[in-house]
Amino acid sequence: MRRWQQVLVYGVTGVVVLTVATGGYLYYRFNSNIQQAPLYAGEDGDAGHEVPDAFGRTPINVLVIGSDSRSDPENCTIGGACEDSGTNADVNLLLHVSADRSNATVMSIPRDLVTDLPGCKDPTTGKSVFKAQRGMINSTLVGGPGCTVAAVRKLTDLPIDHFVQVDFTGVIKMSDAVGGVPVCVSDNVYDPYSHLKLSKGEHTLQGLAALQFVRTRHGFGDGTDIGRSSAQHLFLGSMIRQLKSAGTLTNPAKLLSLADAATSALTVDPGLDGVTKLVGLGQDISKVPSERITFTTMQVIHDPADDNRRLIGPGATDLFRMIKDDRPLTGGPQPGDAASTAPSTAASASAPAAPSTSPAADGPARSTITVLVRNGTGVTGRAAALADVLQQAGFAKGTAAGQSVTAAHSAVTYPAGRKAAAQQVAAALGLPASAVRAGDGPSVELLVGTDWPTGTSYPAAAGGTAPAASTAPSADPAAALKGADVSTADDTSGCAKVGRQKTVSLPGLGDMTPVQAYDRSKGVPDSAP
């Protein structure tokens, strides 16, 4: 097989065949290894629903959660800090596989991100397990993986179809099962917090060393989750290549070890609670060429109130929208994609409609229509920006921003006798007919919901169908990825970038760089030769 995904799928399929040949014992053993939890635990709403493309195909979004739980003796020993009984999401990776299976995106969400978090409840008892608050997104795992799903759903507005949660022991078992994972570091590095210590160059990591590498955040980049996410992307790509090259999937003993390690390390939602279901997901992923799989980290900025925290950065909502609209991040649409034959829409997506002061065929002249614009996105300035767009499009000069509201879906509301005017507003901005509805206010109002955080033309029809070509957003990967760390799954040239800032400290020696910490810790053994 040329593609690592095909090798992986055929290998797992081989496990199923092999277990059937042994009377089903191993099959049931692997199934019993897998733990499950509800997909969604938010107090409101749900995990979302994918929108089929013109051919009835749907994308897949899987949230991969790395847990730092010390809830059992083994994870306690590995992670240390056993007095910390809490559970946080050390890693949040959103895997998006396109509807036509031609491309995929793996987007990291930094654990340091501070955002508005939803309240969560136990889906079985209905009791509250997490209060709505503003805080770090990794804290939601205390309410279970379904609570983290709810938080990512709220942050990105992306539907979440499945989750896969892995703990400390899972990383160790998987790296052992494949015989170690080759990595490269740009300089000597010692992070006394994760205990990773490596000399400059290439190393093969397994067991505890592999876990130390993926957990290291003070040793890479600027000492935050951005550098750690980049290193994790390199590790994942290398692990995949190792699966392909080490003969693991053609060696029955190694294959069984890998399957046992993988299934015993997972907690999944009910949609993935069996070997055959996991194989089905793998078959979907296998259709994506490795060069069309993009690893990236969402854009963030420093939190002015706390330099150790991050806030959603410029461009992040564009990246979320690109993924939601099922656009590839490694280039333009592929042959066979319906969008590849559609006319270019970049200009129409950003330019306001042409002004008109004459009566429309089905309604009054725009110059007679005053619109009150209300912002429900939480993005500062959205109402004023769209009020300006409407004025430029010929609507009455009294059109202006009003008081902010809470709105998930954009709409145009109207008082009695003003439906035609509201339809004029919707048509000018590309809103679908379903977004026009009767309201209780005295004037025509545009409600800008969280489904429309950027742009001057509505990007997708509320609740479902794809917009007409004239209102579709520009599919520009470079713009969506501006300010984000990016790599592809077939890239073998990268080394994890060791930080040059003073992000670590040693007892009695104070703050220093990870390189200095390596040089001053001669008595600490390296994590790997």
Protein backbone atom coordinates (compact mmCIF):
# COMPACT_ATOMS: atom_id res chain seq x y z
CA MET A 1 0.00 0.00 0.00
CA ARG A 2 1.25 3.49 -0.81
CA ARG A 3 -0.70 5.35 1.80
CA TRP A 4 -0.19 4.95 5.54
CA GLN A 5 -3.91 5.19 6.09
CA GLN A 6 -4.57 2.19 3.87
CA VAL A 7 -1.94 0.20 5.71
CA LEU A 8 -3.53 1.16 9.01
CA VAL A 9 -7.03 0.22 7.88
CA TYR A 10 -5.98 -3.10 6.36
CA GLY A 11 -4.03 -3.87 9.51
CA VAL A 12 -7.00 -3.24 11.78
CA THR A 13 -9.23 -5.16 9.37
CA GLY A 14 -6.71 -7.98 9.64
CA VAL A 15 -7.20 -7.96 13.39
CA VAL A 16 -10.92 -8.47 12.90
CA VAL A 17 -10.34 -11.36 10.47
CA LEU A 18 -7.75 -12.92 12.77
CA THR A 19 -9.98 -12.72 15.83
CA VAL A 20 -12.86 -14.34 13.96
CA ALA A 21 -10.48 -17.15 12.99
CA THR A 22 -9.65 -17.72 16.67
CA GLY A 23 -13.26 -18.27 17.60
CA GLY A 24 -14.07 -14.63 18.32
CA TYR A 25 -12.30 -14.61 21.71
CA LEU A 26 -9.93 -11.80 20.83
CA TYR A 27 -12.66 -9.88 19.05
CA TYR A 28 -14.75 -9.79 22.22
CA ARG A 29 -11.65 -9.03 24.27
CA PHE A 30 -10.85 -6.00 22.14
CA ASN A 31 -14.47 -4.82 22.24
CA SER A 32 -14.55 -5.20 26.04
CA ASN A 33 -11.34 -3.14 26.27
CA ILE A 34 -13.08 -0.08 24.87
CA GLN A 35 -14.80 2.23 27.35
CA GLN A 36 -17.57 4.59 26.29
CA ALA A 37 -19.19 7.81 27.48
CA PRO A 38 -21.99 10.02 26.09
CA LEU A 39 -21.06 12.21 23.12
CA TYR A 40 -22.59 15.44 24.42
CA ALA A 41 -23.06 16.73 27.96
CA GLY A 42 -23.92 20.39 27.36
CA GLU A 43 -26.89 21.81 29.24
CA ASP A 44 -28.25 23.26 26.01
CA GLY A 45 -28.21 22.25 22.36
CA ASP A 46 -26.50 19.21 20.95
CA ALA A 47 -23.28 18.13 19.23
CA GLY A 48 -24.51 19.45 15.89
CA HIS A 49 -25.33 17.85 12.58
CA GLU A 50 -23.30 17.65 9.39
CA VAL A 51 -24.65 19.18 6.17
CA PRO A 52 -24.56 16.79 3.19
CA ASP A 53 -22.97 18.04 -0.02
CA ALA A 54 -24.71 18.07 -3.40
CA PHE A 55 -24.10 14.32 -3.71
CA GLY A 56 -25.45 13.40 -0.27
CA ARG A 57 -21.98 12.85 1.27
CA THR A 58 -21.21 14.18 4.74
CA PRO A 59 -17.95 15.23 6.44
CA ILE A 60 -16.73 13.64 9.69
CA ASN A 61 -15.47 15.56 12.73
CA VAL A 62 -13.75 13.62 15.52
CA LEU A 63 -12.46 15.30 18.69
CA VAL A 64 -9.35 13.55 20.03
CA ILE A 65 -8.85 14.29 23.74
CA GLY A 66 -5.65 13.61 25.68
CA SER A 67 -6.47 13.24 29.37
CA ASP A 68 -4.06 13.99 32.24
CA SER A 69 -6.14 12.00 34.71
CA ARG A 70 -4.37 10.45 37.74
CA SER A 71 -7.50 8.52 38.72
CA ASP A 72 -5.77 5.13 38.79
CA PRO A 73 -2.42 4.07 40.31
CA GLU A 74 -0.72 3.55 36.93
CA ASN A 75 -1.56 7.01 35.57
CA CYS A 76 -0.76 8.51 38.99
CA THR A 77 2.73 7.00 38.94
CA ILE A 78 3.33 8.14 35.36
CA GLY A 79 1.96 11.68 35.67
CA GLY A 80 3.14 12.47 39.19
CA ALA A 81 1.34 15.11 41.26
CA CYS A 82 -0.90 12.36 42.59
CA GLU A 83 -2.52 14.79 45.00
CA ASP A 84 -4.10 16.45 41.94
CA SER A 85 -7.34 14.50 41.64
CA GLY A 86 -8.71 16.66 38.82
CA THR A 87 -8.91 15.71 35.17
CA ASN A 88 -7.91 18.13 32.42
CA ALA A 89 -7.70 17.84 28.66
CA ASP A 90 -3.96 18.11 27.99
CA VAL A 91 -4.65 17.74 24.25
CA ASN A 92 -7.61 18.69 22.06
CA LEU A 93 -7.25 17.73 18.40
CA LEU A 94 -10.16 18.15 16.01
CA LEU A 95 -9.94 15.75 13.05
CA HIS A 96 -12.05 16.80 10.06
CA VAL A 97 -12.43 14.44 7.09
CA SER A 98 -14.06 16.01 4.04
CA ALA A 99 -17.34 14.76 2.61
CA ASP A 100 -15.63 13.49 -0.55
CA ARG A 101 -12.71 12.03 1.47
CA SER A 102 -10.21 13.97 -0.66
CA ASN A 103 -8.68 15.94 2.25
CA ALA A 104 -8.51 16.15 6.02
CA THR A 105 -7.52 18.65 8.70
CA VAL A 106 -6.16 18.04 12.20
CA MET A 107 -6.58 21.26 14.20
CA SER A 108 -5.09 21.66 17.68
CA ILE A 109 -6.93 23.78 20.26
CA PRO A 110 -4.42 25.03 22.87
CA ARG A 111 -5.16 23.96 26.44
CA ASP A 112 -4.26 27.51 27.58
CA LEU A 113 -7.16 29.02 25.61
CA VAL A 114 -9.54 31.06 27.76
CA THR A 115 -13.05 31.24 26.36
CA ASP A 116 -16.72 31.14 27.36
CA LEU A 117 -17.46 27.58 28.48
CA PRO A 118 -20.93 26.01 28.54
CA GLY A 119 -22.58 24.46 31.55
CA CYS A 120 -22.68 20.65 31.45
CA LYS A 121 -24.83 17.97 33.03
CA ASP A 122 -24.66 14.23 33.48
CA PRO A 123 -26.75 12.95 30.54
CA THR A 124 -28.00 10.05 32.68
CA THR A 125 -28.98 11.84 35.90
CA GLY A 126 -29.47 15.36 34.57
CA LYS A 127 -27.40 16.74 37.45
CA SER A 128 -24.95 19.59 36.84
CA VAL A 129 -21.32 18.51 36.52
CA PHE A 130 -19.77 21.77 35.26
CA LYS A 131 -20.97 25.35 35.66
CA ALA A 132 -21.02 27.79 32.74
CA GLN A 133 -18.03 30.09 33.15
CA ARG A 134 -15.18 31.82 31.41
CA GLY A 135 -12.05 29.75 31.78
CA MET A 136 -9.45 27.46 30.22
CA ILE A 137 -10.95 25.03 27.77
CA ASN A 138 -8.98 22.10 29.21
CA SER A 139 -10.92 22.38 32.49
CA THR A 140 -14.12 21.06 30.89
CA LEU A 141 -12.92 17.45 31.03
CA VAL A 142 -13.82 17.40 34.72
CA GLY A 143 -17.39 17.18 33.41
CA GLY A 144 -16.51 14.23 31.18
CA PRO A 145 -15.50 14.08 27.51
CA GLY A 146 -19.02 15.08 26.49
CA CYS A 147 -18.48 18.39 28.29
CA THR A 148 -15.28 19.02 26.33
CA VAL A 149 -17.23 18.20 23.16
CA ALA A 150 -19.80 20.83 24.19
CA ALA A 151 -17.05 23.42 24.76
CA VAL A 152 -15.41 22.79 21.38
CA ARG A 153 -18.82 22.91 19.74
CA LYS A 154 -19.50 26.30 21.36
CA LEU A 155 -16.06 27.64 20.44
CA THR A 156 -15.97 26.56 16.79
CA ASP A 157 -19.64 26.12 15.83
CA LEU A 158 -18.51 22.84 14.22
CA PRO A 159 -20.60 19.68 14.54
CA ILE A 160 -18.77 16.98 16.53
CA ASP A 161 -19.65 13.48 15.32
CA HIS A 162 -17.40 11.46 17.62
CA PHE A 163 -14.74 11.74 20.31
CA VAL A 164 -11.77 9.53 21.21
CA GLN A 165 -10.13 10.02 24.63
CA VAL A 166 -6.65 8.66 25.44
CA ASP A 167 -4.82 8.80 28.81
CA PHE A 168 -1.11 8.68 29.82
CA THR A 169 -0.87 4.91 29.64
CA GLY A 170 -2.42 4.91 26.19
CA VAL A 171 0.41 6.97 24.70
CA ILE A 172 2.99 4.69 26.33
CA LYS A 173 1.33 1.47 25.20
CA MET A 174 0.89 2.67 21.62
CA SER A 175 4.49 3.84 21.28
CA ASP A 176 5.72 0.54 22.71
CA ALA A 177 3.49 -1.48 20.40
CA VAL A 178 4.92 0.14 17.27
CA GLY A 179 8.51 -0.32 18.48
CA GLY A 180 9.20 3.34 19.18
CA VAL A 181 8.59 6.61 17.35
CA PRO A 182 11.48 8.46 15.62
CA VAL A 183 11.64 12.18 16.39
CA CYS A 184 14.09 15.02 15.91
CA VAL A 185 14.84 18.02 18.17
CA SER A 186 16.57 21.16 16.92
CA ASP A 187 18.81 21.57 20.02
CA ASN A 188 19.61 20.01 23.36
CA VAL A 189 16.48 20.20 25.49
CA TYR A 190 15.57 19.55 29.11
CA ASP A 191 12.10 20.29 30.45
CA PRO A 192 12.19 19.50 34.18
CA TYR A 193 8.38 19.66 34.32
CA SER A 194 7.70 16.88 31.79
CA HIS A 195 11.16 15.37 32.49
CA LEU A 196 11.99 15.20 28.78
CA LYS A 197 15.75 15.37 28.25
CA LEU A 198 17.17 14.85 24.75
CA SER A 199 20.35 15.84 22.95
CA LYS A 200 20.17 17.66 19.62
CA GLY A 201 19.29 15.40 16.71
CA GLU A 202 17.26 12.25 16.09
CA HIS A 203 15.95 9.79 18.69
CA THR A 204 13.52 6.89 18.81
CA LEU A 205 11.08 7.31 21.66
CA GLN A 206 8.95 4.71 23.33
CA GLY A 207 7.35 4.17 26.68
CA LEU A 208 7.70 7.02 29.15
CA ALA A 209 9.98 9.01 26.82
CA ALA A 210 7.22 9.16 24.20
CA LEU A 211 4.78 10.51 26.77
CA GLN A 212 7.32 13.07 27.96
CA PHE A 213 7.74 14.32 24.39
CA VAL A 214 4.04 14.85 23.64
CA ARG A 215 3.47 16.45 27.07
CA THR A 216 6.38 18.88 26.85
CA ARG A 217 5.30 22.50 26.59
CA HIS A 218 8.08 24.46 28.34
CA GLY A 219 10.78 22.95 26.13
CA PHE A 220 9.43 23.84 22.70
CA GLY A 221 8.65 27.16 21.04
CA ASP A 222 7.74 29.94 23.45
CA GLY A 223 6.91 27.57 26.28
CA THR A 224 3.16 27.54 25.56
CA ASP A 225 0.85 25.07 23.89
CA ILE A 226 1.72 26.38 20.42
CA GLY A 227 5.17 24.79 20.49
CA ARG A 228 3.82 21.65 22.11
CA SER A 229 1.10 21.29 19.46
CA SER A 230 3.69 21.57 16.70
CA ALA A 231 5.79 18.84 18.34
CA GLN A 232 2.71 16.65 18.72
CA HIS A 233 1.97 17.01 15.01
CA LEU A 234 5.51 15.86 14.21
CA PHE A 235 5.14 12.92 16.60
CA LEU A 236 1.83 11.82 15.08
CA GLY A 237 3.19 11.96 11.54
CA SER A 238 6.25 9.97 12.56
CA MET A 239 4.16 7.39 14.40
CA ILE A 240 2.12 6.84 11.27
CA ARG A 241 5.25 6.39 9.15
CA GLN A 242 6.62 3.99 11.76
CA LEU A 243 3.50 1.87 11.51
CA LYS A 244 4.09 1.58 7.79
CA SER A 245 7.84 0.90 7.85
CA ALA A 246 8.42 -1.26 10.93
CA GLY A 247 6.50 -4.30 9.74
CA THR A 248 4.08 -3.97 12.64
CA LEU A 249 1.02 -4.53 10.52
CA THR A 250 2.41 -7.63 8.81
CA ASN A 251 3.58 -9.30 12.03
CA PRO A 252 0.69 -11.10 13.79
CA ALA A 253 2.25 -10.85 17.26
CA LYS A 254 2.99 -7.13 16.89
CA LEU A 255 -0.42 -6.57 15.35
CA LEU A 256 -2.22 -8.17 18.27
CA SER A 257 -0.12 -6.17 20.71
CA LEU A 258 -0.99 -2.95 18.87
CA ALA A 259 -4.70 -3.76 18.75
CA ASP A 260 -4.76 -4.61 22.45
CA ALA A 261 -2.87 -1.42 23.34
CA ALA A 262 -5.08 0.77 21.14
CA THR A 263 -8.42 -0.54 22.32
CA SER A 264 -7.48 -0.63 26.02
CA ALA A 265 -6.33 2.99 25.82
CA LEU A 266 -9.57 4.44 24.46
CA THR A 267 -12.75 5.96 25.78
CA VAL A 268 -15.14 6.71 22.91
CA ASP A 269 -18.69 7.83 22.25
CA PRO A 270 -21.38 5.19 21.55
CA GLY A 271 -20.96 5.73 17.81
CA LEU A 272 -17.45 4.20 18.00
CA ASP A 273 -17.92 1.61 20.75
CA GLY A 274 -16.72 -1.42 18.84
CA VAL A 275 -13.83 -2.69 16.73
CA THR A 276 -15.91 -2.80 13.54
CA LYS A 277 -17.05 0.80 14.05
CA LEU A 278 -13.46 1.94 14.53
CA VAL A 279 -12.52 0.04 11.37
CA GLY A 280 -15.31 1.85 9.52
CA LEU A 281 -13.93 5.21 10.62
CA GLY A 282 -10.46 4.07 9.55
CA GLN A 283 -11.77 3.13 6.13
CA ASP A 284 -13.12 6.65 5.67
CA ILE A 285 -9.81 8.19 6.73
CA SER A 286 -7.88 5.79 4.48
CA LYS A 287 -9.29 7.45 1.40
CA VAL A 288 -7.38 10.68 2.13
CA PRO A 289 -3.88 11.00 0.58
CA SER A 290 -1.27 11.82 3.23
CA GLU A 291 -0.17 14.96 1.38
CA ARG A 292 -3.73 16.24 1.68
CA ILE A 293 -3.83 15.96 5.48
CA THR A 294 -3.10 19.31 7.12
CA PHE A 295 -1.92 19.68 10.73
CA THR A 296 -2.53 23.13 12.18
CA THR A 297 -3.15 24.99 15.44
CA MET A 298 -5.93 27.55 15.70
CA GLN A 299 -4.82 31.17 15.89
CA VAL A 300 -4.53 32.64 19.39
CA ILE A 301 -3.21 35.81 21.03
CA HIS A 302 -1.82 36.54 24.50
CA ASP A 303 -4.40 37.29 27.16
CA PRO A 304 -3.67 40.86 28.35
CA ALA A 305 -4.84 39.87 31.83
CA ASP A 306 -2.55 36.83 32.11
CA ASP A 307 0.51 36.21 29.94
CA ASN A 308 0.21 32.47 30.62
CA ARG A 309 -3.21 32.32 28.96
CA ARG A 310 -4.39 32.71 25.37
CA LEU A 311 -7.47 34.16 23.69
CA ILE A 312 -8.98 33.41 20.30
CA GLY A 313 -6.91 35.25 17.70
CA PRO A 314 -7.60 37.03 14.41
CA GLY A 315 -8.30 34.51 11.69
CA ALA A 316 -9.49 31.70 13.96
CA THR A 317 -13.14 32.15 13.01
CA ASP A 318 -12.12 32.08 9.34
CA LEU A 319 -10.30 28.79 9.96
CA PHE A 320 -13.36 27.36 11.73
CA ARG A 321 -15.55 28.52 8.85
CA MET A 322 -13.22 26.97 6.29
CA ILE A 323 -13.47 23.63 8.07
CA LYS A 324 -17.22 23.92 8.56
CA ASP A 325 -17.67 24.68 4.87
CA ASP A 326 -15.62 21.56 4.12
CA ARG A 327 -12.90 23.41 2.21
CA PRO A 328 -9.42 21.86 1.82
CA LEU A 329 -6.52 23.57 3.58
CA THR A 330 -3.82 22.17 1.30
CA GLY A 331 -5.00 23.88 -1.87
CA GLY A 332 -8.04 24.38 -4.05
CA PRO A 333 -10.89 21.92 -4.61
CA GLN A 334 -9.98 18.59 -6.15
CA PRO A 335 -11.37 17.20 -9.41
CA GLY A 336 -14.78 15.74 -8.79
CA ASP A 337 -15.57 18.22 -6.03
CA ALA A 338 -18.72 20.09 -7.00
CA ALA A 339 -17.08 23.36 -5.97
CA SER A 340 -14.25 22.82 -8.45
CA THR A 341 -16.60 23.61 -11.33
CA ALA A 342 -18.37 26.50 -9.62
CA PRO A 343 -17.60 30.08 -10.71
CA SER A 344 -15.21 32.11 -8.61
CA THR A 345 -17.06 33.81 -5.76
CA ALA A 346 -14.33 35.70 -3.90
CA ALA A 347 -15.42 39.08 -5.18
CA SER A 348 -19.13 38.57 -4.59
CA ALA A 349 -18.50 37.27 -1.09
CA SER A 350 -16.73 40.41 0.03
CA ALA A 351 -18.46 43.15 -1.96
CA PRO A 352 -21.82 44.63 -0.91
CA ALA A 353 -24.75 44.50 -3.26
CA ALA A 354 -25.03 47.31 -5.76
CA PRO A 355 -27.05 50.31 -4.51
CA SER A 356 -30.60 50.67 -5.73
CA THR A 357 -33.10 53.44 -5.06
CA SER A 358 -35.85 52.24 -7.38
CA PRO A 359 -38.61 49.93 -6.19
CA ALA A 360 -37.70 46.27 -6.48
CA ALA A 361 -39.96 43.99 -8.49
CA ASP A 362 -41.15 42.33 -5.30
CA GLY A 363 -40.82 45.07 -2.71
CA PRO A 364 -40.14 48.70 -1.82
CA ALA A 365 -37.08 50.71 -2.82
CA ARG A 366 -34.06 50.11 -0.62
CA SER A 367 -33.72 53.80 0.13
CA THR A 368 -37.03 53.64 2.02
CA ILE A 369 -35.99 50.75 4.24
CA THR A 370 -34.36 51.51 7.59
CA VAL A 371 -32.73 48.51 9.29
CA LEU A 372 -31.78 48.08 12.94
CA VAL A 373 -28.75 45.72 13.11
CA ARG A 374 -28.18 43.75 16.31
CA ASN A 375 -24.96 41.87 17.08
CA GLY A 376 -25.31 38.37 18.53
CA THR A 377 -21.85 37.06 17.61
CA GLY A 378 -19.82 38.35 20.53
CA VAL A 379 -17.41 39.83 17.95
CA THR A 380 -16.97 43.55 18.55
CA GLY A 381 -18.13 45.79 15.71
CA ARG A 382 -20.15 43.27 13.68
CA ALA A 383 -23.41 45.23 13.81
CA ALA A 384 -21.79 48.52 12.80
CA ALA A 385 -19.90 46.86 9.96
CA LEU A 386 -23.03 45.31 8.46
CA ALA A 387 -25.01 48.51 8.96
CA ASP A 388 -22.38 50.24 6.80
CA VAL A 389 -22.67 47.49 4.19
CA LEU A 390 -26.43 47.98 4.01
CA GLN A 391 -26.10 51.75 3.66
CA GLN A 392 -23.58 51.27 0.85
CA ALA A 393 -26.05 48.90 -0.79
CA GLY A 394 -28.64 51.69 -0.91
CA PHE A 395 -30.68 51.17 2.23
CA ALA A 396 -31.87 54.17 4.26
CA LYS A 397 -29.25 56.35 5.95
CA GLY A 398 -30.95 55.71 9.28
CA THR A 399 -29.77 52.08 9.16
CA ALA A 400 -27.57 51.60 12.24
CA ALA A 401 -26.35 49.26 14.95
CA GLY A 402 -28.61 48.61 17.92
CA GLN A 403 -28.25 46.91 21.28
CA SER A 404 -26.44 43.56 21.23
CA VAL A 405 -28.44 40.35 21.63
CA THR A 406 -27.82 36.63 21.99
CA ALA A 407 -28.44 34.83 18.70
CA ALA A 408 -27.18 31.49 17.41
CA HIS A 409 -28.74 31.91 13.97
CA SER A 410 -28.85 35.01 11.79
CA ALA A 411 -32.27 36.29 10.76
CA VAL A 412 -34.21 39.27 9.47
CA THR A 413 -37.38 40.05 11.43
CA TYR A 414 -40.16 42.42 10.46
CA PRO A 415 -43.32 44.05 11.91
CA ALA A 416 -46.75 43.63 10.33
CA GLY A 417 -46.85 44.72 6.69
CA ARG A 418 -43.04 44.86 6.26
CA LYS A 419 -42.25 41.34 5.05
CA ALA A 420 -41.28 42.53 1.55
CA ALA A 421 -38.81 45.01 3.07
CA ALA A 422 -37.26 42.27 5.19
CA GLN A 423 -36.93 40.09 2.10
CA GLN A 424 -35.03 42.96 0.43
CA VAL A 425 -32.54 42.99 3.32
CA ALA A 426 -32.08 39.22 3.26
CA ALA A 427 -31.56 39.18 -0.51
CA ALA A 428 -28.96 41.94 -0.32
CA LEU A 429 -26.86 39.99 2.20
CA GLY A 430 -27.35 36.48 0.84
CA LEU A 431 -29.53 35.27 3.71
CA PRO A 432 -31.91 32.44 2.75
CA ALA A 433 -35.67 32.91 2.62
CA SER A 434 -35.98 30.73 5.73
CA ALA A 435 -34.13 33.42 7.73
CA VAL A 436 -36.93 35.96 7.21
CA ARG A 437 -39.57 35.81 9.91
CA ALA A 438 -42.17 37.92 11.69
CA GLY A 439 -40.90 39.80 14.73
CA ASP A 440 -42.30 41.83 17.58
CA GLY A 441 -40.17 44.95 17.11
CA PRO A 442 -41.35 48.21 15.50
CA SER A 443 -38.92 48.01 12.56
CA VAL A 444 -37.05 45.67 10.25
CA GLU A 445 -34.19 44.13 12.24
CA LEU A 446 -31.13 42.17 11.17
CA LEU A 447 -29.94 39.74 13.87
CA VAL A 448 -26.33 38.70 13.26
CA GLY A 449 -25.88 35.29 14.88
CA THR A 450 -22.87 33.20 15.81
CA ASP A 451 -23.29 31.38 12.49
CA TRP A 452 -22.00 34.57 10.78
CA PRO A 453 -18.96 35.84 12.72
CA THR A 454 -17.09 37.34 9.74
CA GLY A 455 -17.66 38.62 6.21
CA THR A 456 -20.22 40.86 4.57
CA SER A 457 -22.26 38.17 2.81
CA TYR A 458 -23.93 35.33 4.70
CA PRO A 459 -21.72 32.24 4.28
CA ALA A 460 -24.17 29.36 4.70
CA ALA A 461 -27.89 28.83 4.95
CA ALA A 462 -29.06 28.54 8.56
CA GLY A 463 -29.86 25.02 9.55
CA GLY A 464 -28.57 23.40 6.57
CA THR A 465 -28.40 23.67 2.83
CA ALA A 466 -25.35 25.00 1.04
CA PRO A 467 -25.59 28.60 -0.16
CA ALA A 468 -25.77 29.57 -3.78
CA ALA A 469 -22.42 30.05 -5.51
CA SER A 470 -22.81 33.83 -5.44
CA THR A 471 -22.74 33.88 -1.62
CA ALA A 472 -20.19 31.14 -0.91
CA PRO A 473 -17.03 32.20 0.96
CA SER A 474 -13.68 32.32 -0.76
CA ALA A 475 -11.82 29.00 -0.44
CA ASP A 476 -8.42 30.51 0.30
CA PRO A 477 -6.26 28.22 2.47
CA ALA A 478 -3.52 30.83 2.87
CA ALA A 479 -5.98 33.33 4.31
CA ALA A 480 -7.60 30.79 6.66
CA LEU A 481 -4.20 29.63 7.92
CA LYS A 482 -2.64 33.08 8.34
CA GLY A 483 -0.88 33.19 11.70
CA ALA A 484 -1.29 29.45 12.29
CA ASP A 485 1.35 26.73 12.57
CA VAL A 486 0.96 24.40 9.55
CA SER A 487 2.41 21.10 8.28
CA THR A 488 1.24 18.10 6.28
CA ALA A 489 1.27 14.40 7.13
CA ASP A 490 3.83 13.50 4.46
CA ASP A 491 6.44 15.99 5.75
CA THR A 492 9.52 14.15 7.05
CA SER A 493 11.87 17.13 7.27
CA GLY A 494 10.77 18.82 10.50
CA CYS A 495 12.44 18.90 13.91
CA ALA A 496 10.70 20.03 17.07
CA LYS A 497 11.90 23.60 17.68
CA VAL A 498 13.53 23.91 21.10
CA GLY A 499 12.74 27.23 22.77
CA ARG A 500 15.32 29.97 23.29
CA GLN A 501 13.39 31.79 25.99
CA LYS A 502 13.76 31.31 29.75
CA THR A 503 10.80 29.00 30.17
CA VAL A 504 12.17 26.53 32.76
CA SER A 505 13.95 26.70 36.10
CA LEU A 506 16.19 24.45 38.19
CA PRO A 507 16.43 24.43 42.02
CA GLY A 508 18.87 27.07 43.19
CA LEU A 509 19.71 28.18 39.63
CA GLY A 510 16.67 30.23 38.68
CA ASP A 511 15.08 30.70 35.26
CA MET A 512 16.86 29.56 32.10
CA THR A 513 16.34 28.23 28.59
CA PRO A 514 15.71 24.50 27.94
CA VAL A 515 19.17 24.37 26.29
CA GLN A 516 20.84 25.81 29.39
CA ALA A 517 18.87 23.42 31.58
CA TYR A 518 20.23 20.47 29.58
CA ASP A 519 23.81 21.67 29.98
CA ARG A 520 23.38 22.20 33.74
CA SER A 521 21.77 18.81 34.43
CA LYS A 522 24.65 16.43 33.77
CA GLY A 523 23.43 14.06 36.44
CA VAL A 524 19.98 13.64 34.88
CA PRO A 525 19.89 10.77 32.38
CA ASP A 526 18.61 11.44 28.87
CA SER A 527 15.12 10.19 28.06
CA ALA A 528 16.43 8.25 25.06
CA PRO A 529 19.84 7.48 23.51
